[in-house]
Amino acid sequence: MITPRDPGLPAGSHDEPAPATDTSLLTLVLDRLGPHPFVDHLGVTVLSAGEGTARLGLAWKPQHSRSGLAPGADPSLHGGAAAALADMAASCALLPVLDDGDGRTTIDLSIHYLAPPRGDVVADVRLRRRGRRTAIIDVEMMDKETAVYRSRQAP
């Protein structure tokens, strides 16, 4: 289940604290998400939310590792799990700026895999531009060491 901040997840790159969150916006985001069984299955946690911003966390599970690893290899996050985290994070940043009844659907998702993440992953999101029908949202995902993925999305 998506829940507010889990203290066991990293705050972000370079041990930065999570951005300040208006609890009413966090509640709005959690309420407007509606049913989300796939995201619940992944174990995504909403760490913070604001108007056009969000931070989500994905705690490491062995089931999240990519396939094809040699025995004894250090596992890293599967690209599909990273894409799901980016998509959900972008949605959480967009929800507070939508009007009641407005929908959201991802129409384009582009991810640049910069390095394989290991362990817990945090996604920081910023709404870059919002038009009448589309929005451009930037997502940066990082593990405890460094930024590992960058995504631009038009939900």
Protein backbone atom coordinates (compact mmCIF):
# COMPACT_ATOMS: atom_id res chain seq x y z
CA MET A 1 0.00 0.00 0.00
CA ILE A 2 1.23 3.51 -0.74
CA THR A 3 1.83 5.22 2.56
CA PRO A 4 3.44 8.46 3.69
CA ARG A 5 7.16 8.60 4.37
CA ASP A 6 8.87 5.44 5.56
CA PRO A 7 11.83 6.38 7.76
CA GLY A 8 13.73 3.33 6.51
CA LEU A 9 14.11 4.79 3.00
CA PRO A 10 16.87 7.22 2.09
CA ALA A 11 15.87 10.87 1.92
CA GLY A 12 17.61 11.41 -1.40
CA SER A 13 21.00 12.02 -2.90
CA HIS A 14 23.79 13.15 -0.62
CA ASP A 15 21.57 12.58 2.45
CA GLU A 16 19.46 15.64 1.68
CA PRO A 17 16.27 15.82 3.72
CA ALA A 18 13.01 15.24 1.90
CA PRO A 19 11.39 18.49 0.72
CA ALA A 20 8.89 20.02 3.09
CA THR A 21 5.46 18.58 2.51
CA ASP A 22 2.13 20.24 3.05
CA THR A 23 0.27 17.43 4.78
CA SER A 24 -2.98 18.48 3.13
CA LEU A 25 -1.32 18.06 -0.31
CA LEU A 26 0.09 14.68 0.70
CA THR A 27 -3.38 13.61 1.83
CA LEU A 28 -4.85 14.92 -1.44
CA VAL A 29 -2.33 12.93 -3.49
CA LEU A 30 -2.96 9.74 -1.53
CA ASP A 31 -6.74 10.19 -1.78
CA ARG A 32 -6.76 11.01 -5.51
CA LEU A 33 -4.52 8.11 -6.50
CA GLY A 34 -7.39 5.70 -6.14
CA PRO A 35 -6.79 1.94 -6.41
CA HIS A 36 -3.19 1.10 -7.27
CA PRO A 37 -2.59 -2.67 -6.91
CA PHE A 38 0.54 -2.78 -9.10
CA VAL A 39 2.23 0.03 -7.21
CA ASP A 40 1.24 -1.61 -3.93
CA HIS A 41 2.81 -4.82 -5.22
CA LEU A 42 6.08 -2.97 -5.87
CA GLY A 43 6.05 -1.41 -2.41
CA VAL A 44 6.28 2.26 -3.45
CA THR A 45 6.11 4.85 -0.65
CA VAL A 46 5.17 8.52 -1.04
CA LEU A 47 7.86 10.40 0.88
CA SER A 48 6.65 13.92 0.11
CA ALA A 49 4.31 15.78 -2.21
CA GLY A 50 3.77 19.40 -3.20
CA GLU A 51 2.26 21.37 -6.06
CA GLY A 52 4.18 20.02 -9.03
CA THR A 53 6.73 18.11 -6.93
CA ALA A 54 6.94 14.73 -5.27
CA ARG A 55 9.44 12.30 -3.81
CA LEU A 56 8.70 8.58 -3.83
CA GLY A 57 10.74 5.68 -2.55
CA LEU A 58 11.12 2.08 -3.60
CA ALA A 59 12.62 -0.15 -0.93
CA TRP A 60 14.85 -2.89 -2.31
CA LYS A 61 13.38 -6.37 -2.71
CA PRO A 62 15.13 -9.28 -4.44
CA GLN A 63 12.09 -9.50 -6.75
CA HIS A 64 13.03 -6.06 -8.17
CA SER A 65 16.37 -7.22 -9.56
CA ARG A 66 17.05 -7.46 -13.25
CA SER A 67 17.31 -10.84 -14.90
CA GLY A 68 20.37 -12.46 -16.43
CA LEU A 69 22.72 -11.95 -13.50
CA ALA A 70 25.59 -14.37 -13.11
CA PRO A 71 25.65 -16.32 -9.84
CA GLY A 72 27.18 -14.12 -7.14
CA ALA A 73 26.72 -10.91 -9.16
CA ASP A 74 25.60 -7.78 -7.34
CA PRO A 75 21.90 -7.36 -8.21
CA SER A 76 20.55 -4.10 -9.59
CA LEU A 77 17.06 -2.72 -10.17
CA HIS A 78 15.09 -3.99 -13.17
CA GLY A 79 14.41 -1.25 -15.72
CA GLY A 80 10.69 -1.98 -15.69
CA ALA A 81 10.52 -1.39 -11.93
CA ALA A 82 12.36 1.90 -12.45
CA ALA A 83 9.91 2.91 -15.20
CA ALA A 84 6.94 2.09 -12.96
CA LEU A 85 8.43 4.20 -10.16
CA ALA A 86 9.03 7.13 -12.55
CA ASP A 87 5.48 6.91 -13.89
CA MET A 88 3.91 6.81 -10.43
CA ALA A 89 6.12 9.64 -9.15
CA ALA A 90 5.17 11.85 -12.10
CA SER A 91 1.52 11.18 -11.41
CA CYS A 92 1.93 12.17 -7.74
CA ALA A 93 3.52 15.50 -8.74
CA LEU A 94 0.73 16.24 -11.19
CA LEU A 95 -2.25 15.38 -8.97
CA PRO A 96 -2.15 18.50 -6.75
CA VAL A 97 -2.32 20.83 -9.78
CA LEU A 98 -5.22 19.05 -11.50
CA ASP A 99 -8.82 20.10 -11.07
CA ASP A 100 -11.29 17.67 -9.51
CA GLY A 101 -12.34 15.18 -12.13
CA ASP A 102 -9.30 15.75 -14.36
CA GLY A 103 -7.72 12.50 -15.46
CA ARG A 104 -4.13 11.63 -16.17
CA THR A 105 -2.65 9.15 -18.61
CA THR A 106 0.96 8.77 -19.60
CA ILE A 107 1.34 9.41 -23.33
CA ASP A 108 5.14 9.32 -23.48
CA LEU A 109 7.86 8.07 -21.14
CA SER A 110 11.56 8.32 -21.88
CA ILE A 111 14.21 7.04 -19.46
CA HIS A 112 17.97 7.44 -19.67
CA TYR A 113 19.64 4.67 -17.67
CA LEU A 114 22.85 6.24 -16.39
CA ALA A 115 23.99 3.54 -13.96
CA PRO A 116 22.52 0.41 -12.39
CA PRO A 117 20.92 1.27 -9.02
CA ARG A 118 21.54 -0.97 -6.05
CA GLY A 119 19.43 -0.98 -2.92
CA ASP A 120 16.66 1.47 -2.11
CA VAL A 121 15.78 4.00 -4.82
CA VAL A 122 14.26 7.48 -4.44
CA ALA A 123 12.50 9.36 -7.26
CA ASP A 124 12.46 13.18 -7.15
CA VAL A 125 9.95 14.80 -9.48
CA ARG A 126 9.39 18.29 -10.81
CA LEU A 127 6.62 19.51 -13.07
CA ARG A 128 8.46 21.38 -15.80
CA ARG A 129 5.53 22.69 -17.85
CA ARG A 130 1.80 22.20 -17.88
CA GLY A 131 -0.38 23.00 -20.85
CA ARG A 132 -4.12 22.61 -21.28
CA ARG A 133 -3.92 18.89 -22.11
CA THR A 134 -0.37 17.73 -21.43
CA ALA A 135 2.40 18.24 -18.91
CA ILE A 136 6.14 17.75 -19.07
CA ILE A 137 7.54 16.20 -15.89
CA ASP A 138 11.16 15.49 -15.00
CA VAL A 139 12.03 12.57 -12.74
CA GLU A 140 15.46 11.83 -11.30
CA MET A 141 15.96 8.52 -9.55
CA MET A 142 18.89 7.78 -7.31
CA ASP A 143 20.20 5.08 -5.04
CA LYS A 144 22.27 5.86 -1.96
CA GLU A 145 25.31 6.64 -4.07
CA THR A 146 24.34 8.61 -7.15
CA ALA A 147 21.73 9.60 -9.70
CA VAL A 148 21.03 6.56 -11.81
CA TYR A 149 18.07 7.33 -14.06
CA ARG A 150 16.59 10.44 -15.60
CA SER A 151 13.15 10.46 -17.12
CA ARG A 152 11.00 12.97 -18.96
CA GLN A 153 7.34 12.24 -19.22
CA ALA A 154 4.22 13.69 -20.75
CA PRO A 155 1.24 12.33 -18.82
